[in-house]
Amino acid sequence: MVETKKNEIKKSENIEVSGTIFTIHSMESENAKKSVAQIIRKLILNNVDTLNRSNLSA
């Protein structure tokens, strides 16, 4: 017989940003929130950088 504790099973949430899917286990974790914020910030900065470059070359 297999026993599982409630705390061992964590709900996962999918966050989709620019076609990239991140699966976050337990958003209540402070580290998870920080890393997601960093990833999203980097993606936004990359997109802005790409837009700026395309505007300059246009």
N, C-alpha and C. Protein backbone atom coordinates (compact mmCIF):
# COMPACT_ATOMS: atom_id res chain seq x y z
N MET A 1 0.83 -1.20 0.00
CA MET A 1 0.00 0.00 0.00
C MET A 1 0.88 1.26 0.00
N VAL A 2 0.50 2.23 -0.81
CA VAL A 2 1.29 3.46 -0.91
C VAL A 2 0.62 4.55 -0.09
N GLU A 3 1.42 5.19 0.74
CA GLU A 3 0.89 6.29 1.54
C GLU A 3 1.45 7.61 1.03
N THR A 4 0.59 8.58 0.90
CA THR A 4 1.06 9.92 0.52
C THR A 4 0.52 10.93 1.52
N LYS A 5 1.35 11.86 1.86
CA LYS A 5 0.92 12.93 2.76
C LYS A 5 0.39 14.08 1.92
N LYS A 6 -0.54 14.82 2.47
CA LYS A 6 -1.13 15.96 1.75
C LYS A 6 -0.06 16.94 1.26
N ASN A 7 0.91 17.21 2.09
CA ASN A 7 1.93 18.21 1.77
C ASN A 7 2.84 17.79 0.62
N GLU A 8 2.90 16.50 0.34
CA GLU A 8 3.79 16.02 -0.72
C GLU A 8 3.23 16.30 -2.10
N ILE A 9 1.92 16.42 -2.18
CA ILE A 9 1.29 16.67 -3.48
C ILE A 9 1.04 18.16 -3.60
N LYS A 10 1.70 18.77 -4.56
CA LYS A 10 1.58 20.22 -4.72
C LYS A 10 0.86 20.53 -6.02
N LYS A 11 0.03 21.53 -5.95
CA LYS A 11 -0.67 22.00 -7.14
C LYS A 11 0.33 22.73 -8.02
N SER A 12 0.27 22.49 -9.31
CA SER A 12 1.18 23.23 -10.19
C SER A 12 0.37 24.18 -11.06
N GLU A 13 0.94 25.33 -11.32
CA GLU A 13 0.28 26.33 -12.15
C GLU A 13 1.14 26.58 -13.38
N ASN A 14 0.49 26.73 -14.52
CA ASN A 14 1.22 27.04 -15.75
C ASN A 14 1.10 28.52 -16.04
N ILE A 15 2.22 29.12 -16.35
CA ILE A 15 2.24 30.53 -16.73
C ILE A 15 2.82 30.59 -18.13
N GLU A 16 2.08 31.18 -19.06
CA GLU A 16 2.58 31.25 -20.43
C GLU A 16 3.01 32.67 -20.75
N VAL A 17 4.26 32.83 -21.14
CA VAL A 17 4.80 34.14 -21.49
C VAL A 17 5.52 34.01 -22.82
N SER A 18 5.08 34.77 -23.80
CA SER A 18 5.71 34.77 -25.13
C SER A 18 5.91 33.35 -25.67
N GLY A 19 4.90 32.51 -25.52
CA GLY A 19 4.96 31.16 -26.06
C GLY A 19 5.79 30.20 -25.23
N THR A 20 6.33 30.66 -24.11
CA THR A 20 7.12 29.78 -23.24
C THR A 20 6.28 29.44 -22.03
N ILE A 21 6.20 28.16 -21.70
CA ILE A 21 5.38 27.75 -20.56
C ILE A 21 6.27 27.43 -19.37
N PHE A 22 5.99 28.06 -18.24
CA PHE A 22 6.70 27.77 -17.01
C PHE A 22 5.75 27.04 -16.08
N THR A 23 6.19 25.94 -15.50
CA THR A 23 5.36 25.26 -14.52
C THR A 23 5.93 25.57 -13.15
N ILE A 24 5.11 26.17 -12.33
CA ILE A 24 5.54 26.57 -11.00
C ILE A 24 4.87 25.69 -9.97
N HIS A 25 5.67 25.04 -9.16
CA HIS A 25 5.12 24.21 -8.10
C HIS A 25 5.00 25.07 -6.85
N SER A 26 3.78 25.24 -6.40
CA SER A 26 3.50 26.02 -5.19
C SER A 26 3.97 27.46 -5.32
N MET A 27 3.06 28.31 -5.78
CA MET A 27 3.38 29.72 -5.94
C MET A 27 3.56 30.41 -4.59
N GLU A 28 3.20 29.73 -3.51
CA GLU A 28 3.37 30.32 -2.18
C GLU A 28 4.85 30.38 -1.81
N SER A 29 5.66 29.60 -2.48
CA SER A 29 7.09 29.61 -2.21
C SER A 29 7.68 30.94 -2.65
N GLU A 30 8.37 31.61 -1.75
CA GLU A 30 8.93 32.93 -2.05
C GLU A 30 9.96 32.86 -3.16
N ASN A 31 10.76 31.79 -3.18
CA ASN A 31 11.77 31.62 -4.24
C ASN A 31 11.12 31.46 -5.60
N ALA A 32 10.02 30.73 -5.64
CA ALA A 32 9.32 30.53 -6.92
C ALA A 32 8.81 31.87 -7.44
N LYS A 33 8.24 32.68 -6.56
CA LYS A 33 7.74 33.99 -6.98
C LYS A 33 8.87 34.86 -7.52
N LYS A 34 10.00 34.86 -6.83
CA LYS A 34 11.14 35.68 -7.24
C LYS A 34 11.67 35.23 -8.59
N SER A 35 11.81 33.91 -8.78
CA SER A 35 12.38 33.42 -10.04
C SER A 35 11.43 33.68 -11.20
N VAL A 36 10.12 33.57 -10.97
CA VAL A 36 9.16 33.86 -12.04
C VAL A 36 9.22 35.33 -12.40
N ALA A 37 9.32 36.19 -11.39
CA ALA A 37 9.41 37.63 -11.65
C ALA A 37 10.66 37.95 -12.46
N GLN A 38 11.78 37.29 -12.13
CA GLN A 38 13.03 37.52 -12.86
C GLN A 38 12.91 37.06 -14.31
N ILE A 39 12.33 35.88 -14.52
CA ILE A 39 12.18 35.33 -15.87
C ILE A 39 11.31 36.26 -16.71
N ILE A 40 10.19 36.71 -16.14
CA ILE A 40 9.28 37.59 -16.87
C ILE A 40 9.96 38.92 -17.19
N ARG A 41 10.71 39.46 -16.22
CA ARG A 41 11.42 40.72 -16.43
C ARG A 41 12.42 40.58 -17.58
N LYS A 42 13.15 39.46 -17.59
CA LYS A 42 14.14 39.23 -18.66
C LYS A 42 13.46 39.13 -20.02
N LEU A 43 12.32 38.41 -20.06
CA LEU A 43 11.60 38.27 -21.33
C LEU A 43 11.12 39.62 -21.84
N ILE A 44 10.59 40.43 -20.92
CA ILE A 44 10.10 41.76 -21.32
C ILE A 44 11.25 42.61 -21.83
N LEU A 45 12.38 42.60 -21.11
CA LEU A 45 13.55 43.39 -21.54
C LEU A 45 14.05 42.92 -22.90
N ASN A 46 14.07 41.60 -23.12
CA ASN A 46 14.50 41.06 -24.42
C ASN A 46 13.56 41.52 -25.53
N ASN A 47 12.25 41.51 -25.25
CA ASN A 47 11.28 41.94 -26.26
C ASN A 47 11.43 43.42 -26.57
N VAL A 48 11.64 44.24 -25.54
CA VAL A 48 11.83 45.68 -25.73
C VAL A 48 13.10 45.93 -26.54
N ASP A 49 14.15 45.19 -26.21
CA ASP A 49 15.42 45.32 -26.93
C ASP A 49 15.24 44.98 -28.41
N THR A 50 14.52 43.91 -28.69
CA THR A 50 14.26 43.50 -30.07
C THR A 50 13.44 44.56 -30.80
N LEU A 51 12.43 45.10 -30.12
CA LEU A 51 11.61 46.16 -30.73
C LEU A 51 12.45 47.39 -31.04
N ASN A 52 13.30 47.78 -30.11
CA ASN A 52 14.16 48.96 -30.31
C ASN A 52 15.08 48.75 -31.51
N ARG A 53 15.64 47.55 -31.62
CA ARG A 53 16.55 47.27 -32.74
C ARG A 53 15.80 47.31 -34.07
N SER A 54 14.59 46.77 -34.09
CA SER A 54 13.83 46.76 -35.34
C SER A 54 13.39 48.17 -35.72
N ASN A 55 13.11 49.01 -34.72
CA ASN A 55 12.75 50.41 -35.00
C ASN A 55 13.94 51.19 -35.55
N LEU A 56 15.12 50.91 -35.02
CA LEU A 56 16.32 51.61 -35.48
C LEU A 56 16.66 51.24 -36.92
N SER A 57 16.42 49.98 -37.27
CA SER A 57 16.79 49.52 -38.61
C SER A 57 15.72 49.87 -39.64
N ALA A 58 14.54 50.26 -39.18
CA ALA A 58 13.43 50.57 -40.11
C ALA A 58 13.60 51.93 -40.76
